Structure formats: C-alpha cells, structure tokens
C-alpha cells in the first residue's frame, strides 16, 4: 500500500507511464525551504503522506502563506506517514484549471 504521494510516482511511471503524472516543481523537507517567488501562478501544495492534504493554489498572489504554513505544520505529526518508510515532506506540483473537479 502506498501512502506517500512522491514515492508512488515511481510505481505509476513503471506500471502505466509517466504521462499520467503531474510535473513536480519541488520536494521540500520543510515549509520554510519553499521559495514562493519562484513558483508559477498556479500549483498544488501537498503533504506527501495521507489523503486530502492538499492546498490548491490557482493564484499565488491570493495565497494566505501563514494559513498554508499552519496547515502543513499541523499535518506533520499526523502519524499517517508512519505507514511509509519516508518522513512527511512538502510536494509542489503543477496545477491548472482543467484539473479541478466539478
């Protein structure tokens, strides 16, 4: 069972192909490492562990960085990632309007 959004990418690429994966912008050990100025206008900010731990940013100028940081810091001790061999990390992926669910 895969619980790590980054680690599962290897399996998906090997099994059905890389064309089904979003482009990874960065993988960070902490929120403080993220250079928001270098990010595109839209992106997905995710904890690598668990489910539904996503912040979808459609306009980075409107992102409440403090709220995003507080959420990521809250998620770190959730314990879900202990099902994986890797510690929780912050994953940033490309995002566009076509990816949003209706």
PDB file of N, CA and C in Angstrom:
ATOM      1  N   UNK A   1       0.849  -1.174   0.000  1.00  0.00           N
ATOM      2  CA  UNK A   1       0.000   0.000   0.000  1.00  0.00           C
ATOM      3  C   UNK A   1       0.897   1.240   0.000  1.00  0.00           C
ATOM      4  N   UNK A   2       0.620   2.152  -0.897  1.00  0.00           N
ATOM      5  CA  UNK A   2       1.394   3.381  -0.978  1.00  0.00           C
ATOM      6  C   UNK A   2       0.655   4.512  -0.275  1.00  0.00           C
ATOM      7  N   UNK A   3       1.331   5.176   0.619  1.00  0.00           N
ATOM      8  CA  UNK A   3       0.752   6.334   1.285  1.00  0.00           C
ATOM      9  C   UNK A   3       1.519   7.601   0.960  1.00  0.00           C
ATOM     10  N   UNK A   4       2.624   7.486   0.298  1.00  0.00           N
ATOM     11  CA  UNK A   4       3.483   8.624   0.011  1.00  0.00           C
ATOM     12  C   UNK A   4       3.275   9.061  -1.435  1.00  0.00           C
ATOM     13  N   UNK A   5       2.760  10.287  -1.617  1.00  0.00           N
ATOM     14  CA  UNK A   5       2.452  10.789  -2.954  1.00  0.00           C
ATOM     15  C   UNK A   5       3.681  10.898  -3.854  1.00  0.00           C
ATOM     16  N   UNK A   6       4.833  11.092  -3.265  1.00  0.00           N
ATOM     17  CA  UNK A   6       6.041  11.187  -4.076  1.00  0.00           C
ATOM     18  C   UNK A   6       6.585   9.801  -4.426  1.00  0.00           C
ATOM     19  N   UNK A   7       6.659   8.935  -3.447  1.00  0.00           N
ATOM     20  CA  UNK A   7       7.202   7.597  -3.673  1.00  0.00           C
ATOM     21  C   UNK A   7       6.360   6.778  -4.646  1.00  0.00           C
ATOM     22  N   UNK A   8       5.043   6.963  -4.632  1.00  0.00           N
ATOM     23  CA  UNK A   8       4.173   6.189  -5.520  1.00  0.00           C
ATOM     24  C   UNK A   8       4.402   6.550  -6.989  1.00  0.00           C
ATOM     25  N   UNK A   9       4.978   7.696  -7.242  1.00  0.00           N
ATOM     26  CA  UNK A   9       5.240   8.122  -8.617  1.00  0.00           C
ATOM     27  C   UNK A   9       6.117   7.115  -9.363  1.00  0.00           C
ATOM     28  N   UNK A  10       7.073   6.522  -8.679  1.00  0.00           N
ATOM     29  CA  UNK A  10       7.943   5.515  -9.312  1.00  0.00           C
ATOM     30  C   UNK A  10       7.124   4.323  -9.799  1.00  0.00           C
ATOM     31  N   UNK A  11       6.187   3.895  -8.962  1.00  0.00           N
ATOM     32  CA  UNK A  11       5.331   2.762  -9.313  1.00  0.00           C
ATOM     33  C   UNK A  11       4.428   3.108 -10.500  1.00  0.00           C
ATOM     34  N   UNK A  12       3.814   4.276 -10.466  1.00  0.00           N
ATOM     35  CA  UNK A  12       2.923   4.698 -11.551  1.00  0.00           C
ATOM     36  C   UNK A  12       3.701   4.797 -12.858  1.00  0.00           C
ATOM     37  N   UNK A  13       4.883   5.410 -12.808  1.00  0.00           N
ATOM     38  CA  UNK A  13       5.689   5.549 -14.021  1.00  0.00           C
ATOM     39  C   UNK A  13       6.050   4.187 -14.594  1.00  0.00           C
ATOM     40  N   UNK A  14       6.435   3.257 -13.744  1.00  0.00           N
ATOM     41  CA  UNK A  14       6.834   1.918 -14.188  1.00  0.00           C
ATOM     42  C   UNK A  14       5.636   1.114 -14.690  1.00  0.00           C
ATOM     43  N   UNK A  15       4.491   1.287 -14.060  1.00  0.00           N
ATOM     44  CA  UNK A  15       3.326   0.480 -14.372  1.00  0.00           C
ATOM     45  C   UNK A  15       2.529   0.981 -15.570  1.00  0.00           C
ATOM     46  N   UNK A  16       2.192   2.271 -15.591  1.00  0.00           N
ATOM     47  CA  UNK A  16       1.350   2.779 -16.682  1.00  0.00           C
ATOM     48  C   UNK A  16       1.965   3.937 -17.451  1.00  0.00           C
ATOM     49  N   UNK A  17       3.069   4.480 -16.946  1.00  0.00           N
ATOM     50  CA  UNK A  17       3.775   5.517 -17.697  1.00  0.00           C
ATOM     51  C   UNK A  17       3.746   6.895 -17.063  1.00  0.00           C
ATOM     52  N   UNK A  18       4.785   7.649 -17.339  1.00  0.00           N
ATOM     53  CA  UNK A  18       4.965   8.983 -16.768  1.00  0.00           C
ATOM     54  C   UNK A  18       3.938   9.990 -17.276  1.00  0.00           C
ATOM     55  N   UNK A  19       3.303   9.704 -18.418  1.00  0.00           N
ATOM     56  CA  UNK A  19       2.340  10.663 -18.964  1.00  0.00           C
ATOM     57  C   UNK A  19       1.147  10.875 -18.042  1.00  0.00           C
ATOM     58  N   UNK A  20       0.954  10.018 -17.075  1.00  0.00           N
ATOM     59  CA  UNK A  20      -0.160  10.143 -16.136  1.00  0.00           C
ATOM     60  C   UNK A  20       0.204  10.914 -14.867  1.00  0.00           C
ATOM     61  N   UNK A  21       1.424  11.388 -14.797  1.00  0.00           N
ATOM     62  CA  UNK A  21       1.901  12.096 -13.608  1.00  0.00           C
ATOM     63  C   UNK A  21       1.991  13.600 -13.858  1.00  0.00           C
ATOM     64  N   UNK A  22       1.608  14.369 -12.857  1.00  0.00           N
ATOM     65  CA  UNK A  22       1.794  15.820 -12.910  1.00  0.00           C
ATOM     66  C   UNK A  22       3.281  16.118 -12.775  1.00  0.00           C
ATOM     67  N   UNK A  23       3.684  17.260 -13.326  1.00  0.00           N
ATOM     68  CA  UNK A  23       5.064  17.704 -13.209  1.00  0.00           C
ATOM     69  C   UNK A  23       5.344  18.138 -11.768  1.00  0.00           C
ATOM     70  N   UNK A  24       6.396  17.619 -11.180  1.00  0.00           N
ATOM     71  CA  UNK A  24       6.791  18.015  -9.827  1.00  0.00           C
ATOM     72  C   UNK A  24       7.669  19.261  -9.923  1.00  0.00           C
ATOM     73  N   UNK A  25       7.272  20.299  -9.213  1.00  0.00           N
ATOM     74  CA  UNK A  25       8.047  21.536  -9.171  1.00  0.00           C
ATOM     75  C   UNK A  25       9.123  21.437  -8.108  1.00  0.00           C
ATOM     76  N   UNK A  26       8.787  20.840  -6.972  1.00  0.00           N
ATOM     77  CA  UNK A  26       9.770  20.737  -5.903  1.00  0.00           C
ATOM     78  C   UNK A  26       9.316  19.810  -4.797  1.00  0.00           C
ATOM     79  N   UNK A  27      10.284  19.321  -4.067  1.00  0.00           N
ATOM     80  CA  UNK A  27      10.054  18.470  -2.908  1.00  0.00           C
ATOM     81  C   UNK A  27      10.893  19.048  -1.779  1.00  0.00           C
ATOM     82  N   UNK A  28      10.264  19.368  -0.675  1.00  0.00           N
ATOM     83  CA  UNK A  28      10.923  20.116   0.395  1.00  0.00           C
ATOM     84  C   UNK A  28      10.787  19.397   1.729  1.00  0.00           C
ATOM     85  N   UNK A  29      11.812  19.491   2.542  1.00  0.00           N
ATOM     86  CA  UNK A  29      11.780  18.915   3.886  1.00  0.00           C
ATOM     87  C   UNK A  29      10.978  19.773   4.851  1.00  0.00           C
ATOM     88  N   UNK A  30      10.818  21.051   4.536  1.00  0.00           N
ATOM     89  CA  UNK A  30      10.061  21.937   5.413  1.00  0.00           C
ATOM     90  C   UNK A  30       9.418  23.049   4.594  1.00  0.00           C
ATOM     91  N   UNK A  31       8.404  23.642   5.161  1.00  0.00           N
ATOM     92  CA  UNK A  31       7.700  24.750   4.520  1.00  0.00           C
ATOM     93  C   UNK A  31       8.637  25.930   4.308  1.00  0.00           C
ATOM     94  N   UNK A  32       9.560  26.139   5.239  1.00  0.00           N
ATOM     95  CA  UNK A  32      10.471  27.276   5.184  1.00  0.00           C
ATOM     96  C   UNK A  32      11.396  27.235   3.960  1.00  0.00           C
ATOM     97  N   UNK A  33      11.625  26.067   3.393  1.00  0.00           N
ATOM     98  CA  UNK A  33      12.511  25.932   2.225  1.00  0.00           C
ATOM     99  C   UNK A  33      11.884  26.443   0.931  1.00  0.00           C
ATOM    100  N   UNK A  34      10.571  26.589   0.910  1.00  0.00           N
ATOM    101  CA  UNK A  34       9.865  26.925  -0.335  1.00  0.00           C
ATOM    102  C   UNK A  34      10.094  28.388  -0.720  1.00  0.00           C
ATOM    103  N   UNK A  35      10.554  28.594  -1.947  1.00  0.00           N
ATOM    104  CA  UNK A  35      10.732  29.939  -2.497  1.00  0.00           C
ATOM    105  C   UNK A  35       9.477  30.260  -3.318  1.00  0.00           C
ATOM    106  N   UNK A  36       8.491  30.858  -2.683  1.00  0.00           N
ATOM    107  CA  UNK A  36       7.216  31.120  -3.340  1.00  0.00           C
ATOM    108  C   UNK A  36       7.348  32.047  -4.534  1.00  0.00           C
ATOM    109  N   UNK A  37       8.322  32.944  -4.513  1.00  0.00           N
ATOM    110  CA  UNK A  37       8.513  33.858  -5.640  1.00  0.00           C
ATOM    111  C   UNK A  37       8.881  33.118  -6.917  1.00  0.00           C
ATOM    112  N   UNK A  38       9.510  31.961  -6.790  1.00  0.00           N
ATOM    113  CA  UNK A  38       9.935  31.214  -7.978  1.00  0.00           C
ATOM    114  C   UNK A  38       8.853  30.263  -8.501  1.00  0.00           C
ATOM    115  N   UNK A  39       7.756  30.128  -7.783  1.00  0.00           N
ATOM    116  CA  UNK A  39       6.689  29.208  -8.192  1.00  0.00           C
ATOM    117  C   UNK A  39       5.823  29.829  -9.274  1.00  0.00           C
ATOM    118  N   UNK A  40       5.179  28.990 -10.097  1.00  0.00           N
ATOM    119  CA  UNK A  40       4.250  29.521 -11.098  1.00  0.00           C
ATOM    120  C   UNK A  40       3.011  30.101 -10.404  1.00  0.00           C
ATOM    121  N   UNK A  41       2.149  30.745 -11.172  1.00  0.00           N
ATOM    122  CA  UNK A  41       0.949  31.364 -10.601  1.00  0.00           C
ATOM    123  C   UNK A  41      -0.012  30.350 -10.000  1.00  0.00           C
ATOM    124  N   UNK A  42      -0.054  29.140 -10.543  1.00  0.00           N
ATOM    125  CA  UNK A  42      -0.947  28.096 -10.047  1.00  0.00           C
ATOM    126  C   UNK A  42      -0.136  26.831  -9.760  1.00  0.00           C
ATOM    127  N   UNK A  43      -0.429  26.212  -8.626  1.00  0.00           N
ATOM    128  CA  UNK A  43       0.266  24.985  -8.239  1.00  0.00           C
ATOM    129  C   UNK A  43      -0.513  24.284  -7.138  1.00  0.00           C
ATOM    130  N   UNK A  44      -0.147  23.047  -6.876  1.00  0.00           N
ATOM    131  CA  UNK A  44      -0.743  22.283  -5.783  1.00  0.00           C
ATOM    132  C   UNK A  44       0.330  22.078  -4.724  1.00  0.00           C
ATOM    133  N   UNK A  45       0.001  22.435  -3.504  1.00  0.00           N
ATOM    134  CA  UNK A  45       0.893  22.277  -2.355  1.00  0.00           C
ATOM    135  C   UNK A  45       0.341  21.106  -1.563  1.00  0.00           C
ATOM    136  N   UNK A  46       1.150  20.063  -1.392  1.00  0.00           N
ATOM    137  CA  UNK A  46       0.654  18.829  -0.782  1.00  0.00           C
ATOM    138  C   UNK A  46       1.621  18.290   0.251  1.00  0.00           C
ATOM    139  N   UNK A  47       1.069  17.658   1.251  1.00  0.00           N
ATOM    140  CA  UNK A  47       1.887  16.838   2.134  1.00  0.00           C
ATOM    141  C   UNK A  47       2.039  15.501   1.414  1.00  0.00           C
ATOM    142  N   UNK A  48       3.194  14.895   1.484  1.00  0.00           N
ATOM    143  CA  UNK A  48       3.404  13.660   0.728  1.00  0.00           C
ATOM    144  C   UNK A  48       2.672  12.469   1.317  1.00  0.00           C
ATOM    145  N   UNK A  49       2.257  12.569   2.547  1.00  0.00           N
ATOM    146  CA  UNK A  49       1.594  11.445   3.204  1.00  0.00           C
ATOM    147  C   UNK A  49       0.084  11.684   3.296  1.00  0.00           C
ATOM    148  N   UNK A  50      -0.642  10.652   3.527  1.00  0.00           N
ATOM    149  CA  UNK A  50      -2.066  10.776   3.808  1.00  0.00           C
ATOM    150  C   UNK A  50      -2.920  11.087   2.601  1.00  0.00           C
ATOM    151  N   UNK A  51      -4.106  11.556   2.888  1.00  0.00           N
ATOM    152  CA  UNK A  51      -5.094  11.815   1.862  1.00  0.00           C
ATOM    153  C   UNK A  51      -5.794  13.137   2.153  1.00  0.00           C
ATOM    154  N   UNK A  52      -6.119  13.862   1.115  1.00  0.00           N
ATOM    155  CA  UNK A  52      -6.842  15.136   1.202  1.00  0.00           C
ATOM    156  C   UNK A  52      -6.037  16.241   1.869  1.00  0.00           C
ATOM    157  N   UNK A  53      -4.732  16.100   1.918  1.00  0.00           N
ATOM    158  CA  UNK A  53      -3.876  17.141   2.498  1.00  0.00           C
ATOM    159  C   UNK A  53      -3.311  17.997   1.376  1.00  0.00           C
ATOM    160  N   UNK A  54      -4.183  18.710   0.699  1.00  0.00           N
ATOM    161  CA  UNK A  54      -3.787  19.474  -0.464  1.00  0.00           C
ATOM    162  C   UNK A  54      -4.238  20.919  -0.340  1.00  0.00           C
ATOM    163  N   UNK A  55      -3.408  21.816  -0.806  1.00  0.00           N
ATOM    164  CA  UNK A  55      -3.784  23.217  -0.929  1.00  0.00           C
ATOM    165  C   UNK A  55      -3.649  23.542  -2.412  1.00  0.00           C
ATOM    166  N   UNK A  56      -4.776  23.755  -3.071  1.00  0.00           N
ATOM    167  CA  UNK A  56      -4.775  24.061  -4.490  1.00  0.00           C
ATOM    168  C   UNK A  56      -4.693  25.580  -4.638  1.00  0.00           C
ATOM    169  N   UNK A  57      -3.632  26.034  -5.256  1.00  0.00           N
ATOM    170  CA  UNK A  57      -3.397  27.466  -5.415  1.00  0.00           C
ATOM    171  C   UNK A  57      -3.636  27.821  -6.883  1.00  0.00           C
ATOM    172  N   UNK A  58      -4.686  28.585  -7.132  1.00  0.00           N
ATOM    173  CA  UNK A  58      -4.991  28.997  -8.500  1.00  0.00           C
ATOM    174  C   UNK A  58      -4.450  30.384  -8.815  1.00  0.00           C
ATOM    175  N   UNK A  59      -4.079  31.122  -7.765  1.00  0.00           N
ATOM    176  CA  UNK A  59      -3.477  32.447  -7.914  1.00  0.00           C
ATOM    177  C   UNK A  59      -2.555  32.665  -6.708  1.00  0.00           C
ATOM    178  N   UNK A  60      -1.262  32.537  -6.918  1.00  0.00           N
ATOM    179  CA  UNK A  60      -0.344  32.590  -5.772  1.00  0.00           C
ATOM    180  C   UNK A  60      -0.352  33.935  -5.065  1.00  0.00           C
ATOM    181  N   UNK A  61      -0.785  34.998  -5.742  1.00  0.00           N
ATOM    182  CA  UNK A  61      -0.867  36.308  -5.096  1.00  0.00           C
ATOM    183  C   UNK A  61      -1.946  36.320  -4.017  1.00  0.00           C
ATOM    184  N   UNK A  62      -2.929  35.418  -4.134  1.00  0.00           N
ATOM    185  CA  UNK A  62      -4.025  35.356  -3.162  1.00  0.00           C
ATOM    186  C   UNK A  62      -3.782  34.301  -2.078  1.00  0.00           C
ATOM    187  N   UNK A  63      -2.678  33.578  -2.167  1.00  0.00           N
ATOM    188  CA  UNK A  63      -2.376  32.530  -1.188  1.00  0.00           C
ATOM    189  C   UNK A  63      -2.089  33.137   0.182  1.00  0.00           C
ATOM    190  N   UNK A  64      -2.773  32.666   1.183  1.00  0.00           N
ATOM    191  CA  UNK A  64      -2.500  33.049   2.559  1.00  0.00           C
ATOM    192  C   UNK A  64      -1.366  32.135   3.040  1.00  0.00           C
ATOM    193  N   UNK A  65      -0.141  32.611   2.932  1.00  0.00           N
ATOM    194  CA  UNK A  65       1.029  31.785   3.261  1.00  0.00           C
ATOM    195  C   UNK A  65       1.036  31.338   4.717  1.00  0.00           C
ATOM    196  N   UNK A  66       0.591  32.193   5.609  1.00  0.00           N
ATOM    197  CA  UNK A  66       0.561  31.817   7.021  1.00  0.00           C
ATOM    198  C   UNK A  66      -0.419  30.669   7.251  1.00  0.00           C
ATOM    199  N   UNK A  67      -1.601  30.732   6.638  1.00  0.00           N
ATOM    200  CA  UNK A  67      -2.583  29.660   6.785  1.00  0.00           C
ATOM    201  C   UNK A  67      -2.052  28.364   6.169  1.00  0.00           C
ATOM    202  N   UNK A  68      -1.389  28.476   5.017  1.00  0.00           N
ATOM    203  CA  UNK A  68      -0.810  27.289   4.375  1.00  0.00           C
ATOM    204  C   UNK A  68       0.281  26.680   5.261  1.00  0.00           C
ATOM    205  N   UNK A  69       1.130  27.536   5.809  1.00  0.00           N
ATOM    206  CA  UNK A  69       2.196  27.062   6.700  1.00  0.00           C
ATOM    207  C   UNK A  69       1.603  26.395   7.939  1.00  0.00           C
ATOM    208  N   UNK A  70       0.594  27.017   8.533  1.00  0.00           N
ATOM    209  CA  UNK A  70      -0.042  26.439   9.717  1.00  0.00           C
ATOM    210  C   UNK A  70      -0.630  25.066   9.420  1.00  0.00           C
ATOM    211  N   UNK A  71      -1.254  24.911   8.241  1.00  0.00           N
ATOM    212  CA  UNK A  71      -1.824  23.620   7.871  1.00  0.00           C
ATOM    213  C   UNK A  71      -0.733  22.565   7.690  1.00  0.00           C
ATOM    214  N   UNK A  72       0.332  22.921   6.990  1.00  0.00           N
ATOM    215  CA  UNK A  72       1.421  21.963   6.771  1.00  0.00           C
ATOM    216  C   UNK A  72       2.055  21.566   8.105  1.00  0.00           C
ATOM    217  N   UNK A  73       2.287  22.522   8.974  1.00  0.00           N
ATOM    218  CA  UNK A  73       2.875  22.215  10.282  1.00  0.00           C
ATOM    219  C   UNK A  73       1.933  21.332  11.096  1.00  0.00           C
ATOM    220  N   UNK A  74       0.626  21.556  10.985  1.00  0.00           N
ATOM    221  CA  UNK A  74      -0.365  20.720  11.663  1.00  0.00           C
ATOM    222  C   UNK A  74      -0.322  19.286  11.146  1.00  0.00           C
ATOM    223  N   UNK A  75      -0.103  19.117   9.833  1.00  0.00           N
ATOM    224  CA  UNK A  75      -0.132  17.793   9.225  1.00  0.00           C
ATOM    225  C   UNK A  75       1.083  16.936   9.569  1.00  0.00           C
ATOM    226  N   UNK A  76       2.218  17.559   9.830  1.00  0.00           N
ATOM    227  CA  UNK A  76       3.457  16.806  10.052  1.00  0.00           C
ATOM    228  C   UNK A  76       3.315  15.734  11.129  1.00  0.00           C
ATOM    229  N   UNK A  77       2.746  16.031  12.296  1.00  0.00           N
ATOM    230  CA  UNK A  77       2.672  14.991  13.325  1.00  0.00           C
ATOM    231  C   UNK A  77       1.451  14.080  13.219  1.00  0.00           C
ATOM    232  N   UNK A  78       0.756  14.077  12.086  1.00  0.00           N
ATOM    233  CA  UNK A  78      -0.488  13.321  11.991  1.00  0.00           C
ATOM    234  C   UNK A  78      -0.291  11.818  12.144  1.00  0.00           C
ATOM    235  N   UNK A  79       0.922  11.335  11.903  1.00  0.00           N
ATOM    236  CA  UNK A  79       1.197   9.924  12.109  1.00  0.00           C
ATOM    237  C   UNK A  79       0.866   9.032  10.938  1.00  0.00           C
ATOM    238  N   UNK A  80       0.099   9.522   9.969  1.00  0.00           N
ATOM    239  CA  UNK A  80      -0.280   8.682   8.844  1.00  0.00           C
ATOM    240  C   UNK A  80       0.944   8.235   8.059  1.00  0.00           C
ATOM    241  N   UNK A  81       1.941   9.097   7.976  1.00  0.00           N
ATOM    242  CA  UNK A  81       3.114   8.749   7.174  1.00  0.00           C
ATOM    243  C   UNK A  81       3.912   7.604   7.765  1.00  0.00           C
ATOM    244  N   UNK A  82       3.641   7.220   8.983  1.00  0.00           N
ATOM    245  CA  UNK A  82       4.380   6.101   9.567  1.00  0.00           C
ATOM    246  C   UNK A  82       4.076   4.789   8.862  1.00  0.00           C
ATOM    247  N   UNK A  83       3.050   4.756   8.000  1.00  0.00           N
ATOM    248  CA  UNK A  83       2.780   3.579   7.190  1.00  0.00           C
ATOM    249  C   UNK A  83       3.805   3.467   6.064  1.00  0.00           C
ATOM    250  N   UNK A  84       4.544   4.524   5.846  1.00  0.00           N
ATOM    251  CA  UNK A  84       5.567   4.587   4.807  1.00  0.00           C
ATOM    252  C   UNK A  84       6.939   4.632   5.469  1.00  0.00           C
ATOM    253  N   UNK A  85       7.969   4.309   4.719  1.00  0.00           N
ATOM    254  CA  UNK A  85       9.327   4.370   5.246  1.00  0.00           C
ATOM    255  C   UNK A  85       9.902   5.774   5.190  1.00  0.00           C
ATOM    256  N   UNK A  86       9.199   6.684   4.549  1.00  0.00           N
ATOM    257  CA  UNK A  86       9.724   8.033   4.400  1.00  0.00           C
ATOM    258  C   UNK A  86       8.973   8.999   5.294  1.00  0.00           C
ATOM    259  N   UNK A  87       9.651  10.044   5.719  1.00  0.00           N
ATOM    260  CA  UNK A  87       9.020  11.074   6.545  1.00  0.00           C
ATOM    261  C   UNK A  87       8.187  11.988   5.654  1.00  0.00           C
ATOM    262  N   UNK A  88       7.278  12.718   6.261  1.00  0.00           N
ATOM    263  CA  UNK A  88       6.457  13.651   5.524  1.00  0.00           C
ATOM    264  C   UNK A  88       7.309  14.753   4.926  1.00  0.00           C
ATOM    265  N   UNK A  89       7.004  15.083   3.689  1.00  0.00           N
ATOM    266  CA  UNK A  89       7.675  16.172   3.005  1.00  0.00           C
ATOM    267  C   UNK A  89       6.601  17.023   2.333  1.00  0.00           C
ATOM    268  N   UNK A  90       6.981  18.186   1.864  1.00  0.00           N
ATOM    269  CA  UNK A  90       6.062  19.076   1.148  1.00  0.00           C
ATOM    270  C   UNK A  90       6.348  18.918  -0.341  1.00  0.00           C
ATOM    271  N   UNK A  91       5.317  18.586  -1.086  1.00  0.00           N
ATOM    272  CA  UNK A  91       5.413  18.357  -2.524  1.00  0.00           C
ATOM    273  C   UNK A  91       4.664  19.469  -3.237  1.00  0.00           C
ATOM    274  N   UNK A  92       5.276  20.057  -4.249  1.00  0.00           N
ATOM    275  CA  UNK A  92       4.603  21.071  -5.052  1.00  0.00           C
ATOM    276  C   UNK A  92       4.555  20.578  -6.493  1.00  0.00           C
ATOM    277  N   UNK A  93       3.345  20.581  -7.040  1.00  0.00           N
ATOM    278  CA  UNK A  93       3.127  20.069  -8.386  1.00  0.00           C
ATOM    279  C   UNK A  93       2.433  21.121  -9.235  1.00  0.00           C
ATOM    280  N   UNK A  94       2.568  20.993 -10.541  1.00  0.00           N
ATOM    281  CA  UNK A  94       1.872  21.883 -11.464  1.00  0.00           C
ATOM    282  C   UNK A  94       0.371  21.703 -11.282  1.00  0.00           C
ATOM    283  N   UNK A  95      -0.387  22.757 -11.517  1.00  0.00           N
ATOM    284  CA  UNK A  95      -1.838  22.715 -11.414  1.00  0.00           C
ATOM    285  C   UNK A  95      -2.421  23.631 -12.474  1.00  0.00           C
ATOM    286  N   UNK A  96      -3.529  23.212 -13.040  1.00  0.00           N
ATOM    287  CA  UNK A  96      -4.227  24.094 -13.974  1.00  0.00           C
ATOM    288  C   UNK A  96      -5.733  23.897 -13.828  1.00  0.00           C
ATOM    289  N   UNK A  97      -6.503  24.802 -14.397  1.00  0.00           N
ATOM    290  CA  UNK A  97      -7.953  24.780 -14.237  1.00  0.00           C
ATOM    291  C   UNK A  97      -8.575  23.491 -14.739  1.00  0.00           C
ATOM    292  N   UNK A  98      -8.008  22.860 -15.759  1.00  0.00           N
ATOM    293  CA  UNK A  98      -8.548  21.620 -16.303  1.00  0.00           C
ATOM    294  C   UNK A  98      -8.518  20.491 -15.279  1.00  0.00           C
ATOM    295  N   UNK A  99      -7.656  20.612 -14.272  1.00  0.00           N
ATOM    296  CA  UNK A  99      -7.506  19.556 -13.279  1.00  0.00           C
ATOM    297  C   UNK A  99      -8.535  19.660 -12.172  1.00  0.00           C
ATOM    298  N   UNK A 100      -9.208  20.784 -12.060  1.00  0.00           N
ATOM    299  CA  UNK A 100     -10.168  20.969 -10.976  1.00  0.00           C
ATOM    300  C   UNK A 100     -11.388  20.100 -11.219  1.00  0.00           C
ATOM    301  N   UNK A 101     -11.891  19.528 -10.138  1.00  0.00           N
ATOM    302  CA  UNK A 101     -13.095  18.714 -10.213  1.00  0.00           C
ATOM    303  C   UNK A 101     -14.322  19.601 -10.224  1.00  0.00           C
ATOM    304  N   UNK A 102     -15.340  19.179 -10.936  1.00  0.00           N
ATOM    305  CA  UNK A 102     -16.605  19.938 -10.965  1.00  0.00           C
ATOM    306  C   UNK A 102     -17.496  19.485  -9.840  1.00  0.00           C
TER     307      UNK A 102
END
